[in-house]
Protein backbone atom coordinates (compact mmCIF):
# COMPACT_ATOMS: atom_id res chain seq x y z
CA UNK A 1 0.00 0.00 0.00
CA UNK A 2 1.39 3.43 -0.84
CA UNK A 3 2.19 5.45 2.25
CA UNK A 4 2.46 9.18 2.74
CA UNK A 5 4.48 8.57 5.90
CA UNK A 6 7.34 6.70 4.24
CA UNK A 7 8.49 8.20 0.94
CA UNK A 8 9.52 5.20 -1.09
CA UNK A 9 8.59 3.38 -4.25
CA UNK A 10 6.08 0.56 -3.95
CA UNK A 11 6.66 -2.10 -6.59
CA UNK A 12 3.69 -4.18 -7.65
CA UNK A 13 4.09 -7.93 -7.80
CA UNK A 14 1.76 -10.69 -8.85
CA UNK A 15 1.41 -12.22 -5.39
CA UNK A 16 -0.36 -11.72 -2.10
CA UNK A 17 1.25 -9.20 0.20
CA UNK A 18 4.09 -11.09 1.89
CA UNK A 19 3.19 -9.69 5.33
CA UNK A 20 -0.47 -10.68 5.10
CA UNK A 21 -0.45 -14.12 3.64
CA UNK A 22 -2.14 -17.33 4.62
CA UNK A 23 1.05 -19.37 4.10
CA UNK A 24 2.55 -18.16 7.40
CA UNK A 25 5.52 -16.46 5.74
CA UNK A 26 6.75 -13.46 7.69
CA UNK A 27 8.62 -10.44 6.31
CA UNK A 28 9.31 -7.09 7.95
CA UNK A 29 8.91 -3.80 6.09
CA UNK A 30 8.01 -0.19 6.83
CA UNK A 31 4.43 -1.29 7.62
CA UNK A 32 5.73 -2.86 10.80
CA UNK A 33 7.14 0.46 12.02
CA UNK A 34 4.27 2.88 11.28
CA UNK A 35 0.80 3.43 12.67
CA UNK A 36 -1.66 2.89 9.81
CA UNK A 37 -4.19 5.04 11.67
CA UNK A 38 -1.89 8.03 11.03
CA UNK A 39 -1.24 7.24 7.36
CA UNK A 40 -2.97 9.84 5.15
CA UNK A 41 -3.44 7.23 2.43
CA UNK A 42 -6.40 5.85 4.40
CA UNK A 43 -8.12 9.24 4.79
CA UNK A 44 -9.99 8.67 1.53
CA UNK A 45 -11.57 5.59 3.14
CA UNK A 46 -12.60 7.49 6.26
CA UNK A 47 -9.51 6.30 8.13
CA UNK A 48 -7.78 2.98 8.58
CA UNK A 49 -10.49 1.42 10.76
CA UNK A 50 -13.15 2.30 8.17
CA UNK A 51 -10.87 0.81 5.46
CA UNK A 52 -10.70 -2.43 7.44
CA UNK A 53 -14.50 -2.44 7.68
CA UNK A 54 -14.80 -1.88 3.94
CA UNK A 55 -12.52 -4.82 3.17
CA UNK A 56 -14.29 -7.05 5.71
CA UNK A 57 -17.80 -6.21 4.47
CA UNK A 58 -17.37 -5.90 0.71
CA UNK A 59 -14.42 -8.08 -0.33
CA UNK A 60 -14.04 -11.14 1.92
CA UNK A 61 -11.58 -12.68 -0.54
CA UNK A 62 -9.16 -9.78 -0.05
CA UNK A 63 -9.83 -9.92 3.70
CA UNK A 64 -8.59 -13.52 3.67
CA UNK A 65 -5.59 -12.66 1.46
CA UNK A 66 -4.64 -9.91 3.93
CA UNK A 67 -4.56 -12.51 6.68
CA UNK A 68 -8.14 -12.55 7.95
CA UNK A 69 -7.92 -12.02 11.70
CA UNK A 70 -4.33 -10.80 11.42
CA UNK A 71 -5.70 -7.90 9.37
CA UNK A 72 -8.84 -7.35 11.49
CA UNK A 73 -9.46 -9.39 14.61
CA UNK A 74 -12.94 -10.58 15.57
CA UNK A 75 -12.87 -8.18 18.54
CA UNK A 76 -12.38 -5.21 16.18
CA UNK A 77 -15.01 -6.07 13.55
CA UNK A 78 -17.88 -4.12 15.17
CA UNK A 79 -15.67 -1.06 15.61
CA UNK A 80 -14.52 -1.24 11.98
CA UNK A 81 -18.05 -1.62 10.62
CA UNK A 82 -19.21 1.28 12.78
CA UNK A 83 -16.38 3.44 11.40
CA UNK A 84 -17.37 2.44 7.85
CA UNK A 85 -21.04 3.26 8.52
CA UNK A 86 -20.04 6.68 9.90
CA UNK A 87 -18.00 7.36 6.76
CA UNK A 88 -20.93 6.24 4.58
CA UNK A 89 -23.22 8.68 6.40
CA UNK A 90 -20.97 11.57 5.43
CA UNK A 91 -20.41 10.56 1.81
CA UNK A 92 -21.92 7.50 0.14
CA UNK A 93 -20.36 8.59 -3.16
CA UNK A 94 -16.98 8.91 -1.41
CA UNK A 95 -17.15 5.31 -0.24
CA UNK A 96 -18.01 4.11 -3.73
CA UNK A 97 -15.19 6.17 -5.29
CA UNK A 98 -12.61 5.05 -2.71
CA UNK A 99 -13.63 1.41 -3.12
CA UNK A 100 -13.32 1.56 -6.92
CA UNK A 101 -9.91 3.25 -6.68
CA UNK A 102 -8.72 0.59 -4.25
CA UNK A 103 -10.08 -2.22 -6.44
CA UNK A 104 -8.14 -0.74 -9.38
CA UNK A 105 -4.93 -0.56 -7.28
CA UNK A 106 -5.29 -4.17 -6.16
PDB file of N, CA and C in Angstrom:
ATOM      1  N   UNK A   1       0.842  -1.183   0.000  1.00  0.00           N
ATOM      2  CA  UNK A   1       0.000   0.000   0.000  1.00  0.00           C
ATOM      3  C   UNK A   1       0.881   1.238   0.000  1.00  0.00           C
ATOM      4  N   UNK A   2       0.603   2.193  -0.854  1.00  0.00           N
ATOM      5  CA  UNK A   2       1.387   3.428  -0.844  1.00  0.00           C
ATOM      6  C   UNK A   2       1.198   4.162   0.484  1.00  0.00           C
ATOM      7  N   UNK A   3       2.255   4.734   0.988  1.00  0.00           N
ATOM      8  CA  UNK A   3       2.187   5.446   2.254  1.00  0.00           C
ATOM      9  C   UNK A   3       2.683   6.866   2.087  1.00  0.00           C
ATOM     10  N   UNK A   4       2.006   7.792   2.732  1.00  0.00           N
ATOM     11  CA  UNK A   4       2.460   9.181   2.742  1.00  0.00           C
ATOM     12  C   UNK A   4       3.416   9.424   3.902  1.00  0.00           C
ATOM     13  N   UNK A   5       3.562   8.441   4.757  1.00  0.00           N
ATOM     14  CA  UNK A   5       4.477   8.571   5.897  1.00  0.00           C
ATOM     15  C   UNK A   5       5.897   8.228   5.455  1.00  0.00           C
ATOM     16  N   UNK A   6       6.043   7.122   4.746  1.00  0.00           N
ATOM     17  CA  UNK A   6       7.342   6.698   4.236  1.00  0.00           C
ATOM     18  C   UNK A   6       7.396   7.026   2.755  1.00  0.00           C
ATOM     19  N   UNK A   7       8.340   7.844   2.346  1.00  0.00           N
ATOM     20  CA  UNK A   7       8.492   8.198   0.938  1.00  0.00           C
ATOM     21  C   UNK A   7       9.388   7.155   0.274  1.00  0.00           C
ATOM     22  N   UNK A   8       8.771   6.228  -0.385  1.00  0.00           N
ATOM     23  CA  UNK A   8       9.522   5.197  -1.085  1.00  0.00           C
ATOM     24  C   UNK A   8       8.676   4.667  -2.228  1.00  0.00           C
ATOM     25  N   UNK A   9       9.276   3.949  -3.097  1.00  0.00           N
ATOM     26  CA  UNK A   9       8.588   3.379  -4.247  1.00  0.00           C
ATOM     27  C   UNK A   9       8.000   2.032  -3.859  1.00  0.00           C
ATOM     28  N   UNK A  10       6.732   1.844  -4.161  1.00  0.00           N
ATOM     29  CA  UNK A  10       6.084   0.558  -3.952  1.00  0.00           C
ATOM     30  C   UNK A  10       6.031  -0.165  -5.285  1.00  0.00           C
ATOM     31  N   UNK A  11       6.656  -1.310  -5.359  1.00  0.00           N
ATOM     32  CA  UNK A  11       6.662  -2.096  -6.588  1.00  0.00           C
ATOM     33  C   UNK A  11       5.543  -3.132  -6.532  1.00  0.00           C
ATOM     34  N   UNK A  12       4.781  -3.214  -7.588  1.00  0.00           N
ATOM     35  CA  UNK A  12       3.692  -4.177  -7.653  1.00  0.00           C
ATOM     36  C   UNK A  12       4.234  -5.538  -8.068  1.00  0.00           C
ATOM     37  N   UNK A  13       3.735  -6.573  -7.438  1.00  0.00           N
ATOM     38  CA  UNK A  13       4.093  -7.933  -7.796  1.00  0.00           C
ATOM     39  C   UNK A  13       2.817  -8.746  -7.954  1.00  0.00           C
ATOM     40  N   UNK A  14       2.914  -9.828  -8.658  1.00  0.00           N
ATOM     41  CA  UNK A  14       1.762 -10.694  -8.849  1.00  0.00           C
ATOM     42  C   UNK A  14       1.779 -11.748  -7.750  1.00  0.00           C
ATOM     43  N   UNK A  15       1.438 -11.313  -6.539  1.00  0.00           N
ATOM     44  CA  UNK A  15       1.411 -12.217  -5.393  1.00  0.00           C
ATOM     45  C   UNK A  15       0.693 -11.530  -4.247  1.00  0.00           C
ATOM     46  N   UNK A  16       0.243 -12.296  -3.309  1.00  0.00           N
ATOM     47  CA  UNK A  16      -0.363 -11.720  -2.101  1.00  0.00           C
ATOM     48  C   UNK A  16       0.709 -10.978  -1.328  1.00  0.00           C
ATOM     49  N   UNK A  17       0.315  -9.958  -0.620  1.00  0.00           N
ATOM     50  CA  UNK A  17       1.248  -9.196   0.199  1.00  0.00           C
ATOM     51  C   UNK A  17       2.002 -10.158   1.113  1.00  0.00           C
ATOM     52  N   UNK A  18       3.329 -10.107   1.112  1.00  0.00           N
ATOM     53  CA  UNK A  18       4.085 -11.085   1.892  1.00  0.00           C
ATOM     54  C   UNK A  18       3.884 -10.968   3.409  1.00  0.00           C
ATOM     55  N   UNK A  19       3.434  -9.815   3.884  1.00  0.00           N
ATOM     56  CA  UNK A  19       3.193  -9.685   5.329  1.00  0.00           C
ATOM     57  C   UNK A  19       1.816 -10.183   5.732  1.00  0.00           C
ATOM     58  N   UNK A  20       0.903 -10.298   4.786  1.00  0.00           N
ATOM     59  CA  UNK A  20      -0.467 -10.676   5.102  1.00  0.00           C
ATOM     60  C   UNK A  20      -0.870 -11.894   4.276  1.00  0.00           C
ATOM     61  N   UNK A  21      -0.166 -12.950   4.446  1.00  0.00           N
ATOM     62  CA  UNK A  21      -0.447 -14.120   3.637  1.00  0.00           C
ATOM     63  C   UNK A  21      -0.985 -15.243   4.502  1.00  0.00           C
ATOM     64  N   UNK A  22      -1.589 -16.202   3.872  1.00  0.00           N
ATOM     65  CA  UNK A  22      -2.137 -17.331   4.624  1.00  0.00           C
ATOM     66  C   UNK A  22      -1.163 -18.511   4.644  1.00  0.00           C
ATOM     67  N   UNK A  23       0.042 -18.317   4.102  1.00  0.00           N
ATOM     68  CA  UNK A  23       1.049 -19.368   4.098  1.00  0.00           C
ATOM     69  C   UNK A  23       2.013 -19.276   5.266  1.00  0.00           C
ATOM     70  N   UNK A  24       1.749 -18.350   6.190  1.00  0.00           N
ATOM     71  CA  UNK A  24       2.550 -18.164   7.404  1.00  0.00           C
ATOM     72  C   UNK A  24       3.973 -17.687   7.146  1.00  0.00           C
ATOM     73  N   UNK A  25       4.224 -17.074   5.980  1.00  0.00           N
ATOM     74  CA  UNK A  25       5.521 -16.459   5.735  1.00  0.00           C
ATOM     75  C   UNK A  25       5.535 -15.119   6.455  1.00  0.00           C
ATOM     76  N   UNK A  26       6.677 -14.705   6.942  1.00  0.00           N
ATOM     77  CA  UNK A  26       6.748 -13.458   7.693  1.00  0.00           C
ATOM     78  C   UNK A  26       7.914 -12.612   7.190  1.00  0.00           C
ATOM     79  N   UNK A  27       7.614 -11.384   6.765  1.00  0.00           N
ATOM     80  CA  UNK A  27       8.620 -10.440   6.309  1.00  0.00           C
ATOM     81  C   UNK A  27       8.386  -9.116   7.011  1.00  0.00           C
ATOM     82  N   UNK A  28       9.439  -8.409   7.338  1.00  0.00           N
ATOM     83  CA  UNK A  28       9.314  -7.094   7.949  1.00  0.00           C
ATOM     84  C   UNK A  28       9.495  -6.033   6.877  1.00  0.00           C
ATOM     85  N   UNK A  29       8.739  -4.944   6.973  1.00  0.00           N
ATOM     86  CA  UNK A  29       8.914  -3.803   6.088  1.00  0.00           C
ATOM     87  C   UNK A  29       8.454  -2.559   6.838  1.00  0.00           C
ATOM     88  N   UNK A  30       8.360  -1.422   6.144  1.00  0.00           N
ATOM     89  CA  UNK A  30       8.006  -0.191   6.831  1.00  0.00           C
ATOM     90  C   UNK A  30       6.641  -0.277   7.503  1.00  0.00           C
ATOM     91  N   UNK A  31       5.757  -1.134   7.026  1.00  0.00           N
ATOM     92  CA  UNK A  31       4.433  -1.291   7.618  1.00  0.00           C
ATOM     93  C   UNK A  31       4.475  -1.785   9.049  1.00  0.00           C
ATOM     94  N   UNK A  32       5.585  -2.388   9.423  1.00  0.00           N
ATOM     95  CA  UNK A  32       5.726  -2.857  10.799  1.00  0.00           C
ATOM     96  C   UNK A  32       6.213  -1.760  11.732  1.00  0.00           C
ATOM     97  N   UNK A  33       6.590  -0.616  11.183  1.00  0.00           N
ATOM     98  CA  UNK A  33       7.138   0.456  12.015  1.00  0.00           C
ATOM     99  C   UNK A  33       6.255   1.698  12.055  1.00  0.00           C
ATOM    100  N   UNK A  34       5.137   1.706  11.303  1.00  0.00           N
ATOM    101  CA  UNK A  34       4.268   2.883  11.285  1.00  0.00           C
ATOM    102  C   UNK A  34       2.897   2.543  11.853  1.00  0.00           C
ATOM    103  N   UNK A  35       2.171   3.576  12.198  1.00  0.00           N
ATOM    104  CA  UNK A  35       0.801   3.427  12.669  1.00  0.00           C
ATOM    105  C   UNK A  35      -0.116   3.718  11.486  1.00  0.00           C
ATOM    106  N   UNK A  36      -0.786   2.706  10.967  1.00  0.00           N
ATOM    107  CA  UNK A  36      -1.656   2.885   9.810  1.00  0.00           C
ATOM    108  C   UNK A  36      -2.762   3.909  10.072  1.00  0.00           C
ATOM    109  N   UNK A  37      -3.140   4.074  11.331  1.00  0.00           N
ATOM    110  CA  UNK A  37      -4.188   5.036  11.671  1.00  0.00           C
ATOM    111  C   UNK A  37      -3.726   6.478  11.435  1.00  0.00           C
ATOM    112  N   UNK A  38      -2.430   6.699  11.302  1.00  0.00           N
ATOM    113  CA  UNK A  38      -1.894   8.030  11.027  1.00  0.00           C
ATOM    114  C   UNK A  38      -1.543   8.228   9.549  1.00  0.00           C
ATOM    115  N   UNK A  39      -1.632   7.176   8.763  1.00  0.00           N
ATOM    116  CA  UNK A  39      -1.244   7.241   7.358  1.00  0.00           C
ATOM    117  C   UNK A  39      -2.340   7.943   6.553  1.00  0.00           C
ATOM    118  N   UNK A  40      -2.000   9.046   5.915  1.00  0.00           N
ATOM    119  CA  UNK A  40      -2.967   9.843   5.155  1.00  0.00           C
ATOM    120  C   UNK A  40      -3.568   9.076   3.981  1.00  0.00           C
ATOM    121  N   UNK A  41      -2.910   8.038   3.533  1.00  0.00           N
ATOM    122  CA  UNK A  41      -3.444   7.231   2.432  1.00  0.00           C
ATOM    123  C   UNK A  41      -4.862   6.760   2.749  1.00  0.00           C
ATOM    124  N   UNK A  42      -5.121   6.416   4.006  1.00  0.00           N
ATOM    125  CA  UNK A  42      -6.405   5.850   4.397  1.00  0.00           C
ATOM    126  C   UNK A  42      -7.475   6.898   4.662  1.00  0.00           C
ATOM    127  N   UNK A  43      -7.126   8.180   4.581  1.00  0.00           N
ATOM    128  CA  UNK A  43      -8.121   9.242   4.786  1.00  0.00           C
ATOM    129  C   UNK A  43      -9.255   9.158   3.780  1.00  0.00           C
ATOM    130  N   UNK A  44      -8.946   8.756   2.559  1.00  0.00           N
ATOM    131  CA  UNK A  44      -9.988   8.672   1.527  1.00  0.00           C
ATOM    132  C   UNK A  44     -10.994   7.563   1.800  1.00  0.00           C
ATOM    133  N   UNK A  45     -10.658   6.657   2.728  1.00  0.00           N
ATOM    134  CA  UNK A  45     -11.566   5.590   3.135  1.00  0.00           C
ATOM    135  C   UNK A  45     -12.267   5.927   4.450  1.00  0.00           C
ATOM    136  N   UNK A  46     -12.028   7.119   4.965  1.00  0.00           N
ATOM    137  CA  UNK A  46     -12.599   7.493   6.257  1.00  0.00           C
ATOM    138  C   UNK A  46     -11.719   7.056   7.417  1.00  0.00           C
ATOM    139  N   UNK A  47     -10.458   6.760   7.118  1.00  0.00           N
ATOM    140  CA  UNK A  47      -9.508   6.301   8.135  1.00  0.00           C
ATOM    141  C   UNK A  47      -9.221   4.817   7.995  1.00  0.00           C
ATOM    142  N   UNK A  48      -8.206   4.377   8.698  1.00  0.00           N
ATOM    143  CA  UNK A  48      -7.779   2.981   8.580  1.00  0.00           C
ATOM    144  C   UNK A  48      -8.833   2.009   9.090  1.00  0.00           C
ATOM    145  N   UNK A  49      -9.487   2.334  10.200  1.00  0.00           N
ATOM    146  CA  UNK A  49     -10.487   1.420  10.760  1.00  0.00           C
ATOM    147  C   UNK A  49     -11.660   1.263   9.783  1.00  0.00           C
ATOM    148  N   UNK A  50     -12.080   2.360   9.163  1.00  0.00           N
ATOM    149  CA  UNK A  50     -13.149   2.303   8.166  1.00  0.00           C
ATOM    150  C   UNK A  50     -12.698   1.463   6.961  1.00  0.00           C
ATOM    151  N   UNK A  51     -11.431   1.612   6.550  1.00  0.00           N
ATOM    152  CA  UNK A  51     -10.870   0.814   5.461  1.00  0.00           C
ATOM    153  C   UNK A  51     -10.962  -0.677   5.793  1.00  0.00           C
ATOM    154  N   UNK A  52     -10.606  -1.025   7.031  1.00  0.00           N
ATOM    155  CA  UNK A  52     -10.701  -2.426   7.440  1.00  0.00           C
ATOM    156  C   UNK A  52     -12.147  -2.923   7.347  1.00  0.00           C
ATOM    157  N   UNK A  53     -13.090  -2.071   7.765  1.00  0.00           N
ATOM    158  CA  UNK A  53     -14.497  -2.440   7.678  1.00  0.00           C
ATOM    159  C   UNK A  53     -14.944  -2.632   6.241  1.00  0.00           C
ATOM    160  N   UNK A  54     -14.461  -1.776   5.353  1.00  0.00           N
ATOM    161  CA  UNK A  54     -14.803  -1.879   3.937  1.00  0.00           C
ATOM    162  C   UNK A  54     -14.312  -3.209   3.363  1.00  0.00           C
ATOM    163  N   UNK A  55     -13.077  -3.562   3.661  1.00  0.00           N
ATOM    164  CA  UNK A  55     -12.520  -4.825   3.166  1.00  0.00           C
ATOM    165  C   UNK A  55     -13.303  -6.000   3.745  1.00  0.00           C
ATOM    166  N   UNK A  56     -13.571  -5.962   5.039  1.00  0.00           N
ATOM    167  CA  UNK A  56     -14.289  -7.051   5.712  1.00  0.00           C
ATOM    168  C   UNK A  56     -15.686  -7.235   5.129  1.00  0.00           C
ATOM    169  N   UNK A  57     -16.405  -6.129   4.918  1.00  0.00           N
ATOM    170  CA  UNK A  57     -17.800  -6.208   4.471  1.00  0.00           C
ATOM    171  C   UNK A  57     -17.938  -6.497   2.982  1.00  0.00           C
ATOM    172  N   UNK A  58     -17.133  -5.857   2.145  1.00  0.00           N
ATOM    173  CA  UNK A  58     -17.373  -5.904   0.708  1.00  0.00           C
ATOM    174  C   UNK A  58     -16.491  -6.872  -0.079  1.00  0.00           C
ATOM    175  N   UNK A  59     -15.307  -7.193   0.425  1.00  0.00           N
ATOM    176  CA  UNK A  59     -14.416  -8.082  -0.334  1.00  0.00           C
ATOM    177  C   UNK A  59     -13.768  -9.126   0.589  1.00  0.00           C
ATOM    178  N   UNK A  60     -14.561 -10.119   0.999  1.00  0.00           N
ATOM    179  CA  UNK A  60     -14.041 -11.140   1.915  1.00  0.00           C
ATOM    180  C   UNK A  60     -12.840 -11.902   1.361  1.00  0.00           C
ATOM    181  N   UNK A  61     -12.730 -11.996   0.044  1.00  0.00           N
ATOM    182  CA  UNK A  61     -11.575 -12.678  -0.544  1.00  0.00           C
ATOM    183  C   UNK A  61     -10.296 -11.916  -0.227  1.00  0.00           C
ATOM    184  N   UNK A  62     -10.332 -10.593  -0.379  1.00  0.00           N
ATOM    185  CA  UNK A  62      -9.159  -9.775  -0.050  1.00  0.00           C
ATOM    186  C   UNK A  62      -8.903  -9.806   1.446  1.00  0.00           C
ATOM    187  N   UNK A  63      -9.974  -9.806   2.250  1.00  0.00           N
ATOM    188  CA  UNK A  63      -9.829  -9.925   3.704  1.00  0.00           C
ATOM    189  C   UNK A  63      -9.017 -11.175   4.052  1.00  0.00           C
ATOM    190  N   UNK A  64      -9.334 -12.279   3.410  1.00  0.00           N
ATOM    191  CA  UNK A  64      -8.595 -13.522   3.669  1.00  0.00           C
ATOM    192  C   UNK A  64      -7.158 -13.429   3.166  1.00  0.00           C
ATOM    193  N   UNK A  65      -6.941 -12.815   1.991  1.00  0.00           N
ATOM    194  CA  UNK A  65      -5.586 -12.662   1.458  1.00  0.00           C
ATOM    195  C   UNK A  65      -4.737 -11.808   2.389  1.00  0.00           C
ATOM    196  N   UNK A  66      -5.362 -10.786   3.004  1.00  0.00           N
ATOM    197  CA  UNK A  66      -4.635  -9.912   3.927  1.00  0.00           C
ATOM    198  C   UNK A  66      -4.401 -10.560   5.286  1.00  0.00           C
ATOM    199  N   UNK A  67      -4.840 -11.785   5.444  1.00  0.00           N
ATOM    200  CA  UNK A  67      -4.556 -12.509   6.676  1.00  0.00           C
ATOM    201  C   UNK A  67      -5.747 -12.721   7.574  1.00  0.00           C
ATOM    202  N   UNK A  68      -6.939 -12.331   7.139  1.00  0.00           N
ATOM    203  CA  UNK A  68      -8.136 -12.547   7.953  1.00  0.00           C
ATOM    204  C   UNK A  68      -8.033 -11.840   9.291  1.00  0.00           C
ATOM    205  N   UNK A  69      -7.971 -12.609  10.360  1.00  0.00           N
ATOM    206  CA  UNK A  69      -7.923 -12.023  11.705  1.00  0.00           C
ATOM    207  C   UNK A  69      -6.612 -11.321  12.012  1.00  0.00           C
ATOM    208  N   UNK A  70      -5.562 -11.574  11.246  1.00  0.00           N
ATOM    209  CA  UNK A  70      -4.327 -10.803  11.416  1.00  0.00           C
ATOM    210  C   UNK A  70      -4.547  -9.361  10.949  1.00  0.00           C
ATOM    211  N   UNK A  71      -5.388  -9.217   9.923  1.00  0.00           N
ATOM    212  CA  UNK A  71      -5.705  -7.901   9.375  1.00  0.00           C
ATOM    213  C   UNK A  71      -6.744  -7.186  10.237  1.00  0.00           C
ATOM    214  N   UNK A  72      -7.772  -7.910  10.665  1.00  0.00           N
ATOM    215  CA  UNK A  72      -8.843  -7.351  11.486  1.00  0.00           C
ATOM    216  C   UNK A  72      -9.361  -8.455  12.391  1.00  0.00           C
ATOM    217  N   UNK A  73      -9.056  -8.337  13.671  1.00  0.00           N
ATOM    218  CA  UNK A  73      -9.458  -9.386  14.612  1.00  0.00           C
ATOM    219  C   UNK A  73     -10.966  -9.358  14.848  1.00  0.00           C
ATOM    220  N   UNK A  74     -11.503 -10.465  15.297  1.00  0.00           N
ATOM    221  CA  UNK A  74     -12.936 -10.578  15.570  1.00  0.00           C
ATOM    222  C   UNK A  74     -13.391  -9.525  16.578  1.00  0.00           C
ATOM    223  N   UNK A  75     -12.523  -9.181  17.522  1.00  0.00           N
ATOM    224  CA  UNK A  75     -12.866  -8.181  18.539  1.00  0.00           C
ATOM    225  C   UNK A  75     -12.976  -6.775  17.958  1.00  0.00           C
ATOM    226  N   UNK A  76     -12.382  -6.537  16.792  1.00  0.00           N
ATOM    227  CA  UNK A  76     -12.376  -5.205  16.181  1.00  0.00           C
ATOM    228  C   UNK A  76     -13.402  -5.044  15.056  1.00  0.00           C
ATOM    229  N   UNK A  77     -14.083  -6.115  14.686  1.00  0.00           N
ATOM    230  CA  UNK A  77     -15.009  -6.068  13.547  1.00  0.00           C
ATOM    231  C   UNK A  77     -16.112  -5.041  13.768  1.00  0.00           C
ATOM    232  N   UNK A  78     -16.780  -5.068  14.919  1.00  0.00           N
ATOM    233  CA  UNK A  78     -17.877  -4.118  15.171  1.00  0.00           C
ATOM    234  C   UNK A  78     -17.405  -2.677  15.090  1.00  0.00           C
ATOM    235  N   UNK A  79     -16.232  -2.409  15.649  1.00  0.00           N
ATOM    236  CA  UNK A  79     -15.667  -1.059  15.611  1.00  0.00           C
ATOM    237  C   UNK A  79     -15.369  -0.632  14.165  1.00  0.00           C
ATOM    238  N   UNK A  80     -14.838  -1.552  13.372  1.00  0.00           N
ATOM    239  CA  UNK A  80     -14.516  -1.243  11.976  1.00  0.00           C
ATOM    240  C   UNK A  80     -15.783  -0.995  11.158  1.00  0.00           C
ATOM    241  N   UNK A  81     -16.805  -1.814  11.357  1.00  0.00           N
ATOM    242  CA  UNK A  81     -18.052  -1.625  10.620  1.00  0.00           C
ATOM    243  C   UNK A  81     -18.753  -0.339  11.046  1.00  0.00           C
ATOM    244  N   UNK A  82     -18.636   0.010  12.310  1.00  0.00           N
ATOM    245  CA  UNK A  82     -19.207   1.277  12.785  1.00  0.00           C
ATOM    246  C   UNK A  82     -18.488   2.458  12.130  1.00  0.00           C
ATOM    247  N   UNK A  83     -17.164   2.380  12.042  1.00  0.00           N
ATOM    248  CA  UNK A  83     -16.381   3.440  11.395  1.00  0.00           C
ATOM    249  C   UNK A  83     -16.765   3.560   9.917  1.00  0.00           C
ATOM    250  N   UNK A  84     -16.960   2.424   9.249  1.00  0.00           N
ATOM    251  CA  UNK A  84     -17.370   2.439   7.849  1.00  0.00           C
ATOM    252  C   UNK A  84     -18.753   3.070   7.706  1.00  0.00           C
ATOM    253  N   UNK A  85     -19.687   2.697   8.577  1.00  0.00           N
ATOM    254  CA  UNK A  85     -21.038   3.264   8.516  1.00  0.00           C
ATOM    255  C   UNK A  85     -21.020   4.770   8.752  1.00  0.00           C
ATOM    256  N   UNK A  86     -20.165   5.234   9.658  1.00  0.00           N
ATOM    257  CA  UNK A  86     -20.040   6.677   9.902  1.00  0.00           C
ATOM    258  C   UNK A  86     -19.517   7.385   8.650  1.00  0.00           C
ATOM    259  N   UNK A  87     -18.544   6.783   7.999  1.00  0.00           N
ATOM    260  CA  UNK A  87     -18.002   7.357   6.763  1.00  0.00           C
ATOM    261  C   UNK A  87     -19.072   7.374   5.681  1.00  0.00           C
ATOM    262  N   UNK A  88     -19.864   6.309   5.586  1.00  0.00           N
ATOM    263  CA  UNK A  88     -20.930   6.236   4.579  1.00  0.00           C
ATOM    264  C   UNK A  88     -21.990   7.303   4.811  1.00  0.00           C
ATOM    265  N   UNK A  89     -22.234   7.646   6.081  1.00  0.00           N
ATOM    266  CA  UNK A  89     -23.223   8.685   6.396  1.00  0.00           C
ATOM    267  C   UNK A  89     -22.773  10.050   5.878  1.00  0.00           C
ATOM    268  N   UNK A  90     -21.475  10.272   5.879  1.00  0.00           N
ATOM    269  CA  UNK A  90     -20.968  11.570   5.425  1.00  0.00           C
ATOM    270  C   UNK A  90     -20.876  11.649   3.914  1.00  0.00           C
ATOM    271  N   UNK A  91     -20.579  10.533   3.262  1.00  0.00           N
ATOM    272  CA  UNK A  91     -20.414  10.563   1.806  1.00  0.00           C
ATOM    273  C   UNK A  91     -20.529   9.172   1.193  1.00  0.00           C
ATOM    274  N   UNK A  92     -21.720   8.805   0.797  1.00  0.00           N
ATOM    275  CA  UNK A  92     -21.923   7.504   0.140  1.00  0.00           C
ATOM    276  C   UNK A  92     -21.128   7.436  -1.162  1.00  0.00           C
ATOM    277  N   UNK A  93     -21.114   8.545  -1.903  1.00  0.00           N
ATOM    278  CA  UNK A  93     -20.359   8.593  -3.156  1.00  0.00           C
ATOM    279  C   UNK A  93     -18.857   8.450  -2.888  1.00  0.00           C
ATOM    280  N   UNK A  94     -18.391   9.019  -1.773  1.00  0.00           N
ATOM    281  CA  UNK A  94     -16.976   8.912  -1.411  1.00  0.00           C
ATOM    282  C   UNK A  94     -16.561   7.482  -1.139  1.00  0.00           C
ATOM    283  N   UNK A  95     -17.438   6.721  -0.499  1.00  0.00           N
ATOM    284  CA  UNK A  95     -17.150   5.306  -0.235  1.00  0.00           C
ATOM    285  C   UNK A  95     -17.049   4.552  -1.552  1.00  0.00           C
ATOM    286  N   UNK A  96     -17.999   4.795  -2.432  1.00  0.00           N
ATOM    287  CA  UNK A  96     -18.005   4.110  -3.730  1.00  0.00           C
ATOM    288  C   UNK A  96     -16.734   4.441  -4.515  1.00  0.00           C
ATOM    289  N   UNK A  97     -16.376   5.724  -4.546  1.00  0.00           N
ATOM    290  CA  UNK A  97     -15.192   6.171  -5.291  1.00  0.00           C
ATOM    291  C   UNK A  97     -13.917   5.555  -4.698  1.00  0.00           C
ATOM    292  N   UNK A  98     -13.791   5.606  -3.370  1.00  0.00           N
ATOM    293  CA  UNK A  98     -12.605   5.053  -2.714  1.00  0.00           C
ATOM    294  C   UNK A  98     -12.495   3.551  -2.954  1.00  0.00           C
ATOM    295  N   UNK A  99     -13.633   2.853  -2.899  1.00  0.00           N
ATOM    296  CA  UNK A  99     -13.632   1.411  -3.116  1.00  0.00           C
ATOM    297  C   UNK A  99     -13.188   1.081  -4.540  1.00  0.00           C
ATOM    298  N   UNK A 100     -13.695   1.819  -5.527  1.00  0.00           N
ATOM    299  CA  UNK A 100     -13.318   1.561  -6.919  1.00  0.00           C
ATOM    300  C   UNK A 100     -11.844   1.864  -7.163  1.00  0.00           C
ATOM    301  N   UNK A 101     -11.332   2.939  -6.550  1.00  0.00           N
ATOM    302  CA  UNK A 101      -9.909   3.247  -6.681  1.00  0.00           C
ATOM    303  C   UNK A 101      -9.055   2.143  -6.065  1.00  0.00           C
ATOM    304  N   UNK A 102      -9.466   1.652  -4.895  1.00  0.00           N
ATOM    305  CA  UNK A 102      -8.721   0.588  -4.254  1.00  0.00           C
ATOM    306  C   UNK A 102      -8.767  -0.680  -5.089  1.00  0.00           C
ATOM    307  N   UNK A 103      -9.944  -1.010  -5.615  1.00  0.00           N
ATOM    308  CA  UNK A 103     -10.080  -2.217  -6.444  1.00  0.00           C
ATOM    309  C   UNK A 103      -9.155  -2.120  -7.663  1.00  0.00           C
ATOM    310  N   UNK A 104      -9.024  -0.927  -8.235  1.00  0.00           N
ATOM    311  CA  UNK A 104      -8.137  -0.736  -9.384  1.00  0.00           C
ATOM    312  C   UNK A 104      -6.683  -0.930  -8.965  1.00  0.00           C
ATOM    313  N   UNK A 105      -6.312  -0.420  -7.782  1.00  0.00           N
ATOM    314  CA  UNK A 105      -4.934  -0.563  -7.283  1.00  0.00           C
ATOM    315  C   UNK A 105      -4.593  -2.020  -7.049  1.00  0.00           C
ATOM    316  N   UNK A 106      -5.536  -2.775  -6.499  1.00  0.00           N
ATOM    317  CA  UNK A 106      -5.291  -4.168  -6.165  1.00  0.00           C
ATOM    318  C   UNK A 106      -5.315  -4.984  -7.428  1.00  0.00           C
TER     319      UNK A 106
END
